[in-house]
N, C-alpha and C. Protein backbone atom coordinates (compact mmCIF):
# COMPACT_ATOMS: atom_id res chain seq x y z
N UNK A 1 14.07 -88.94 -27.56
CA UNK A 1 14.42 -88.62 -25.54
C UNK A 1 14.22 -90.02 -25.30
N UNK A 2 13.77 -90.73 -24.86
CA UNK A 2 13.65 -92.33 -24.18
C UNK A 2 14.72 -92.95 -25.11
N UNK A 3 14.48 -93.50 -26.30
CA UNK A 3 15.47 -93.81 -27.28
C UNK A 3 16.73 -93.43 -27.08
N UNK A 4 17.43 -91.53 -27.22
CA UNK A 4 18.76 -91.66 -26.94
C UNK A 4 19.11 -92.35 -25.11
N UNK A 5 17.91 -91.83 -24.09
CA UNK A 5 18.55 -93.04 -22.82
C UNK A 5 18.94 -94.19 -23.43
N UNK A 6 18.20 -94.63 -24.03
CA UNK A 6 18.46 -96.16 -23.91
C UNK A 6 19.78 -96.62 -24.87
N UNK A 7 20.45 -96.03 -25.80
CA UNK A 7 21.06 -96.37 -26.36
C UNK A 7 22.12 -95.49 -25.48
N UNK A 8 22.67 -95.02 -24.80
CA UNK A 8 23.83 -94.91 -23.56
C UNK A 8 23.21 -95.24 -22.42
N UNK A 9 22.75 -95.78 -22.36
CA UNK A 9 22.59 -97.03 -21.43
C UNK A 9 22.93 -98.43 -22.14
N UNK A 10 22.57 -98.54 -22.63
CA UNK A 10 22.78 -99.94 -23.49
C UNK A 10 24.95 -99.77 -24.51
N UNK A 11 25.03 -98.56 -24.44
CA UNK A 11 26.90 -98.41 -24.68
C UNK A 11 27.06 -98.55 -23.40
N UNK A 12 27.16 -97.93 -22.05
CA UNK A 12 28.37 -98.25 -20.94
C UNK A 12 27.85 -99.43 -20.65
N UNK A 13 28.36 -100.08 -20.41
CA UNK A 13 28.14 -101.83 -19.22
C UNK A 13 29.63 -100.94 -18.07
N UNK A 14 29.12 -101.80 -16.93
CA UNK A 14 29.27 -102.21 -15.78
C UNK A 14 30.89 -102.10 -15.88
N UNK A 15 31.44 -101.46 -15.45
CA UNK A 15 33.20 -101.34 -14.77
C UNK A 15 33.03 -101.51 -13.67
N UNK A 16 34.70 -101.73 -12.49
CA UNK A 16 35.10 -102.11 -11.79
C UNK A 16 35.73 -101.04 -11.60
N UNK A 17 36.37 -100.10 -12.59
CA UNK A 17 37.17 -99.46 -12.77
C UNK A 17 36.54 -98.01 -12.58
N UNK A 18 35.47 -97.99 -13.65
CA UNK A 18 34.95 -96.37 -13.25
C UNK A 18 33.72 -96.45 -11.69
N UNK A 19 33.94 -97.48 -10.86
CA UNK A 19 33.36 -97.76 -9.89
C UNK A 19 34.10 -96.79 -9.38
N UNK A 20 35.31 -97.36 -9.08
CA UNK A 20 36.18 -96.36 -8.07
C UNK A 20 36.24 -95.42 -9.01
N UNK A 21 36.63 -94.51 -10.10
CA UNK A 21 36.70 -93.81 -10.19
C UNK A 21 36.21 -92.92 -10.04
N UNK A 22 34.39 -93.03 -9.55
CA UNK A 22 33.39 -92.48 -8.59
C UNK A 22 33.49 -92.30 -7.70
N UNK A 23 34.72 -93.35 -7.00
CA UNK A 23 35.01 -92.74 -5.96
C UNK A 23 35.71 -91.41 -5.57
N UNK A 24 37.08 -91.97 -5.87
CA UNK A 24 37.46 -90.97 -6.74
C UNK A 24 37.29 -89.48 -6.58
N UNK A 25 35.80 -89.65 -7.49
CA UNK A 25 35.28 -88.46 -7.46
C UNK A 25 34.32 -87.47 -6.18
N UNK A 26 34.64 -88.34 -6.07
CA UNK A 26 32.54 -88.53 -4.66
C UNK A 26 33.70 -87.15 -3.35
N UNK A 27 35.30 -87.94 -3.61
CA UNK A 27 36.29 -88.13 -2.28
C UNK A 27 37.11 -86.46 -2.76
N UNK A 28 36.90 -86.47 -3.56
CA UNK A 28 37.19 -84.84 -4.58
C UNK A 28 36.42 -84.08 -4.15
N UNK A 29 34.86 -84.39 -4.56
CA UNK A 29 34.40 -83.24 -4.18
C UNK A 29 33.68 -82.94 -2.99
N UNK A 30 34.63 -83.89 -1.83
CA UNK A 30 34.72 -84.11 -0.17
C UNK A 30 35.30 -82.91 0.01
N UNK A 31 36.58 -83.31 -0.17
CA UNK A 31 37.92 -82.00 0.14
C UNK A 31 38.11 -81.36 -0.71
N UNK A 32 36.51 -80.73 -1.93
CA UNK A 32 36.98 -79.23 -1.44
C UNK A 32 35.65 -78.55 -1.41
N UNK A 33 34.35 -79.58 -1.03
CA UNK A 33 33.85 -79.40 -0.63
C UNK A 33 34.26 -78.88 1.70
N UNK A 34 35.25 -79.06 1.99
CA UNK A 34 35.79 -79.46 3.57
C UNK A 34 36.46 -78.10 3.59
N UNK A 35 37.58 -78.02 2.00
CA UNK A 35 37.94 -76.57 2.22
C UNK A 35 37.86 -75.46 2.30
N UNK A 36 36.88 -75.40 1.09
CA UNK A 36 36.03 -74.24 0.41
C UNK A 36 35.28 -73.70 1.30
N UNK A 37 34.43 -74.14 2.38
CA UNK A 37 33.06 -74.13 3.10
C UNK A 37 33.69 -74.09 3.74
N UNK A 38 33.77 -72.38 4.63
CA UNK A 38 33.92 -71.95 5.98
C UNK A 38 33.09 -72.58 7.21
N UNK A 39 31.45 -72.64 6.93
CA UNK A 39 30.60 -73.24 7.67
C UNK A 39 31.22 -74.74 7.64
N UNK A 40 31.47 -74.98 6.53
CA UNK A 40 31.55 -76.47 7.03
C UNK A 40 32.94 -77.25 8.31
N UNK A 41 33.45 -75.93 8.26
CA UNK A 41 34.81 -76.32 9.51
C UNK A 41 33.35 -76.21 11.45
N UNK A 42 32.21 -74.80 11.34
CA UNK A 42 31.47 -74.90 12.12
C UNK A 42 31.17 -75.96 12.48
N UNK A 43 30.30 -76.81 11.69
CA UNK A 43 29.50 -77.37 11.70
C UNK A 43 30.20 -78.32 12.01
N UNK A 44 31.01 -79.19 11.75
CA UNK A 44 32.43 -80.36 11.75
C UNK A 44 32.90 -80.08 13.85
N UNK A 45 33.09 -79.23 13.97
CA UNK A 45 33.72 -78.80 14.91
C UNK A 45 32.02 -78.54 15.41
N UNK A 46 31.29 -78.34 15.76
CA UNK A 46 30.29 -78.18 16.87
C UNK A 46 29.58 -80.03 16.70
N UNK A 47 29.89 -80.95 15.61
CA UNK A 47 29.60 -81.75 15.76
C UNK A 47 30.55 -82.84 16.25
N UNK A 48 32.05 -82.62 16.41
CA UNK A 48 33.14 -82.86 17.07
C UNK A 48 32.14 -82.48 18.50
N UNK A 49 32.14 -81.60 18.99
CA UNK A 49 31.32 -80.95 20.39
C UNK A 49 30.35 -82.35 21.18
N UNK A 50 29.03 -82.27 19.96
CA UNK A 50 28.24 -83.19 20.12
C UNK A 50 28.64 -84.99 20.98
N UNK A 51 30.18 -85.05 19.84
CA UNK A 51 30.07 -86.58 20.06
C UNK A 51 30.83 -86.31 21.18
N UNK A 52 32.28 -85.71 21.49
CA UNK A 52 32.09 -85.62 22.80
C UNK A 52 31.65 -86.22 24.11
N UNK A 53 30.66 -85.32 23.76
CA UNK A 53 29.46 -84.99 25.01
C UNK A 53 28.76 -86.66 24.88
N UNK A 54 28.74 -87.06 23.82
CA UNK A 54 27.75 -88.13 23.71
C UNK A 54 28.78 -89.26 24.77
N UNK A 55 29.84 -89.26 24.40
CA UNK A 55 30.21 -89.84 24.64
C UNK A 55 30.97 -89.43 26.26
N UNK A 56 31.10 -89.11 26.87
CA UNK A 56 31.13 -88.07 28.03
C UNK A 56 29.78 -88.67 28.48
N UNK A 57 28.38 -88.54 28.15
CA UNK A 57 27.58 -88.68 28.62
C UNK A 57 27.15 -90.63 28.04
N UNK A 58 27.38 -91.08 27.92
CA UNK A 58 27.07 -92.69 27.40
C UNK A 58 25.82 -92.48 26.91
N UNK A 59 25.76 -91.71 25.89
CA UNK A 59 23.74 -91.75 25.50
C UNK A 59 23.65 -93.26 24.39
N UNK A 60 22.71 -93.20 24.22
CA UNK A 60 21.91 -94.84 24.28
C UNK A 60 22.60 -94.43 23.36
N UNK A 61 21.85 -96.00 21.84
CA UNK A 61 22.16 -95.98 20.97
C UNK A 61 21.42 -94.77 19.76
N UNK A 62 20.28 -94.82 19.67
CA UNK A 62 18.92 -94.61 19.70
C UNK A 62 19.63 -92.26 19.22
N UNK A 63 20.36 -93.03 20.90
CA UNK A 63 20.56 -91.26 20.94
C UNK A 63 21.32 -90.75 19.91
N UNK A 64 22.68 -91.63 19.89
CA UNK A 64 23.46 -91.50 18.62
C UNK A 64 23.30 -91.61 16.53
N UNK A 65 22.11 -92.96 16.93
CA UNK A 65 21.17 -93.10 15.57
C UNK A 65 20.62 -91.21 14.95
N UNK A 66 20.11 -90.83 16.50
CA UNK A 66 19.56 -89.04 16.51
C UNK A 66 20.56 -88.04 15.64
N UNK A 67 21.33 -87.79 16.41
CA UNK A 67 22.80 -87.71 15.83
C UNK A 67 24.01 -87.33 15.04
N UNK A 68 23.50 -89.29 14.39
CA UNK A 68 24.46 -88.68 13.67
C UNK A 68 23.81 -88.47 12.42
N UNK A 69 22.40 -89.15 12.26
CA UNK A 69 21.04 -88.77 11.15
C UNK A 69 21.16 -87.36 10.78
N UNK A 70 20.84 -86.45 12.09
CA UNK A 70 20.59 -85.04 12.05
C UNK A 70 21.79 -84.63 11.33
N UNK A 71 23.14 -84.94 11.82
CA UNK A 71 24.68 -84.20 11.30
C UNK A 71 24.78 -84.40 9.87
N UNK A 72 24.36 -86.00 9.66
CA UNK A 72 24.52 -86.27 8.35
C UNK A 72 23.58 -85.16 7.48
N UNK A 73 22.58 -85.08 8.18
CA UNK A 73 21.51 -83.56 7.41
C UNK A 73 22.14 -82.51 7.26
N UNK A 74 22.47 -82.16 7.96
CA UNK A 74 23.29 -80.68 8.09
C UNK A 74 24.57 -80.29 7.78
N UNK A 75 25.60 -81.85 7.02
CA UNK A 75 26.75 -81.65 6.76
C UNK A 75 25.93 -81.51 4.96
N UNK A 76 25.25 -82.41 4.66
CA UNK A 76 24.62 -82.65 2.71
C UNK A 76 23.92 -81.41 2.36
N UNK A 77 23.33 -80.77 3.82
CA UNK A 77 22.18 -79.31 3.17
C UNK A 77 23.93 -78.89 2.88
N UNK A 78 24.45 -78.58 3.43
CA UNK A 78 25.50 -78.31 3.48
C UNK A 78 26.61 -77.81 2.13
N UNK A 79 26.29 -79.07 1.48
CA UNK A 79 27.38 -79.72 0.44
C UNK A 79 26.45 -79.69 -0.48
N UNK A 80 24.99 -79.56 -0.58
CA UNK A 80 24.09 -79.44 -1.67
C UNK A 80 24.58 -77.36 -1.71
N UNK A 81 23.85 -76.98 -0.36
CA UNK A 81 23.89 -75.20 -0.60
C UNK A 81 25.83 -74.46 -1.53
N UNK A 82 26.86 -74.98 -1.22
CA UNK A 82 28.37 -75.16 -1.82
C UNK A 82 27.34 -75.54 -3.00
N UNK A 83 28.07 -76.46 -2.69
CA UNK A 83 27.67 -77.06 -4.75
C UNK A 83 26.49 -75.90 -6.08
N UNK A 84 25.36 -75.34 -5.03
CA UNK A 84 23.84 -74.54 -5.93
C UNK A 84 25.17 -73.93 -5.83
N UNK A 85 26.12 -72.96 -5.11
CA UNK A 85 26.75 -71.43 -5.21
C UNK A 85 28.02 -71.71 -5.84
N UNK A 86 28.82 -73.09 -6.45
CA UNK A 86 30.04 -72.55 -7.51
C UNK A 86 28.98 -72.75 -8.74
N UNK A 87 28.05 -72.88 -8.07
CA UNK A 87 27.13 -73.44 -10.16
C UNK A 87 25.86 -72.16 -10.16
N UNK A 88 26.16 -71.58 -9.46
CA UNK A 88 25.11 -70.35 -9.58
C UNK A 88 26.24 -69.20 -10.24
N UNK A 89 27.87 -69.11 -9.72
CA UNK A 89 28.35 -68.00 -9.50
C UNK A 89 28.95 -67.88 -10.91
N UNK A 90 29.28 -69.60 -11.36
CA UNK A 90 29.56 -69.87 -12.95
C UNK A 90 28.41 -69.80 -13.84
N UNK A 91 27.61 -69.95 -13.43
CA UNK A 91 26.41 -69.47 -14.58
C UNK A 91 25.72 -68.19 -13.95
N UNK A 92 25.89 -67.18 -13.75
CA UNK A 92 25.37 -66.49 -13.36
C UNK A 92 26.52 -65.28 -12.52
N UNK A 93 27.32 -65.42 -13.37
CA UNK A 93 28.37 -64.30 -13.08
C UNK A 93 28.03 -62.61 -12.89
N UNK A 94 26.74 -62.45 -13.57
CA UNK A 94 26.70 -60.63 -12.78
C UNK A 94 25.20 -61.06 -12.18
N UNK A 95 25.50 -59.96 -11.60
CA UNK A 95 23.54 -60.40 -10.59
C UNK A 95 22.48 -60.44 -10.81
N UNK A 96 21.88 -61.18 -10.79
CA UNK A 96 20.42 -61.35 -11.26
C UNK A 96 19.59 -61.75 -9.85
N UNK A 97 18.48 -61.67 -9.85
CA UNK A 97 17.74 -61.52 -9.06
C UNK A 97 17.32 -63.02 -8.37
N UNK A 98 17.03 -63.87 -9.26
CA UNK A 98 16.90 -65.53 -9.25
C UNK A 98 17.96 -66.19 -9.29
N UNK A 99 19.21 -65.69 -9.39
CA UNK A 99 20.25 -66.29 -8.55
C UNK A 99 20.62 -65.70 -7.34
N UNK A 100 20.03 -65.13 -6.93
CA UNK A 100 20.53 -64.22 -5.57
C UNK A 100 18.78 -65.43 -4.68
N UNK A 101 18.37 -65.28 -5.34
CA UNK A 101 16.80 -65.95 -4.84
C UNK A 101 17.31 -67.55 -4.93
N UNK A 102 17.77 -67.91 -5.29
CA UNK A 102 17.92 -69.53 -5.05
C UNK A 102 19.15 -70.06 -3.79
N UNK A 103 20.35 -68.82 -4.17
CA UNK A 103 21.53 -68.90 -3.46
C UNK A 103 20.74 -68.67 -1.69
N UNK A 104 18.89 -67.90 -1.63
CA UNK A 104 19.06 -67.66 -0.13
C UNK A 104 18.71 -69.01 0.08
N UNK A 105 17.64 -69.69 -1.44
CA UNK A 105 17.01 -70.51 -0.33
C UNK A 105 17.73 -71.78 -0.74
N UNK A 106 19.00 -71.51 -0.83
CA UNK A 106 19.89 -73.33 0.00
C UNK A 106 20.21 -72.79 1.11
N UNK A 107 20.31 -71.79 0.76
CA UNK A 107 21.45 -71.10 3.14
C UNK A 107 20.10 -71.47 3.54
N UNK A 108 18.87 -71.14 3.22
CA UNK A 108 17.76 -71.42 3.46
C UNK A 108 17.85 -73.10 3.94
N UNK A 109 18.05 -73.90 3.63
CA UNK A 109 18.02 -75.17 3.53
C UNK A 109 18.49 -75.87 4.34
N UNK A 110 20.35 -75.05 4.63
CA UNK A 110 21.30 -75.45 5.88
C UNK A 110 20.34 -74.57 7.44
N UNK A 111 19.94 -73.89 6.70
CA UNK A 111 19.47 -72.98 8.15
C UNK A 111 18.29 -74.04 9.35
N UNK A 112 17.73 -74.32 8.11
CA UNK A 112 16.95 -75.27 8.65
C UNK A 112 16.64 -76.77 9.33
N UNK A 113 18.63 -77.37 8.47
CA UNK A 113 18.57 -78.21 8.82
C UNK A 113 19.62 -78.65 10.00
N UNK A 114 19.93 -76.92 10.23
CA UNK A 114 20.88 -76.44 11.15
C UNK A 114 20.11 -76.84 13.04
N UNK A 115 18.62 -75.89 12.81
CA UNK A 115 17.70 -75.79 13.41
C UNK A 115 17.43 -77.25 14.26
N UNK A 116 17.08 -77.62 13.01
CA UNK A 116 17.04 -79.16 13.66
C UNK A 116 17.65 -79.50 14.29
N UNK A 117 19.04 -79.48 13.75
CA UNK A 117 19.96 -80.31 14.85
C UNK A 117 20.12 -80.52 16.50
N UNK A 118 19.58 -78.30 16.57
CA UNK A 118 20.75 -77.75 17.45
C UNK A 118 19.13 -78.49 18.33
N UNK A 119 17.72 -78.83 17.80
CA UNK A 119 16.93 -78.78 18.37
C UNK A 119 16.10 -80.88 19.14
N UNK A 120 17.47 -81.69 17.64
CA UNK A 120 17.01 -82.93 18.11
C UNK A 120 18.76 -83.09 19.46
N UNK A 121 19.89 -82.03 18.99
CA UNK A 121 20.63 -81.39 20.04
C UNK A 121 20.30 -81.71 21.60
N UNK A 122 19.66 -80.29 21.52
CA UNK A 122 18.50 -80.03 23.51
C UNK A 122 18.18 -81.04 23.24
N UNK A 123 17.41 -82.22 22.85
CA UNK A 123 16.51 -83.00 23.56
C UNK A 123 17.22 -84.25 23.83
N UNK A 124 18.57 -84.44 23.59
CA UNK A 124 19.34 -85.67 23.86
C UNK A 124 19.85 -85.10 24.76
N UNK A 125 20.64 -83.71 24.53
CA UNK A 125 21.57 -83.28 25.82
C UNK A 125 21.13 -83.29 27.78
N UNK A 126 20.06 -82.61 26.79
CA UNK A 126 19.39 -81.71 28.21
C UNK A 126 18.76 -82.66 29.42
N UNK A 127 18.88 -83.24 28.98
CA UNK A 127 18.41 -84.29 30.33
C UNK A 127 19.46 -84.90 31.40
N UNK A 128 20.54 -84.91 30.45
CA UNK A 128 21.97 -84.96 30.99
C UNK A 128 22.77 -84.19 31.63
N UNK A 129 22.84 -83.17 31.53
CA UNK A 129 22.62 -81.78 32.19
C UNK A 129 22.36 -81.47 33.42
N UNK A 130 20.85 -82.03 33.67
CA UNK A 130 19.71 -81.55 34.56
C UNK A 130 20.69 -82.52 35.75
N UNK A 131 21.29 -83.76 34.84
CA UNK A 131 21.90 -84.76 35.99
C UNK A 131 22.62 -84.75 36.89
N UNK A 132 23.26 -82.99 36.00
CA UNK A 132 24.48 -83.23 37.28
C UNK A 132 24.62 -82.26 38.35
């Protein structure tokens, strides 16, 4: 197995064109994620509200960092969830309890990341609301 991997890696040379193509594929994947995942629109809407609140309250650099990281955490977990759902729908079109469990665990990861983001948002914004 290792010899096969070495042969493959030796035959593939670095190419700027191939690297540029990989960005095209990533962009296509991002577009598929955004246009096909309704929850992504919800997450992006909440993110927009958080950004507007951050601008309004002039949150600190550290608070912006926390906002960016947790928002990215939510969007990445939702993207992985979407990829897993697409794969499961392809590889297991008939009902199977393992397929259901896989999808449920991936959705649970999104829930965990969303709860984390809500907690971070409350930690950041509640003090500003109490100052009003």
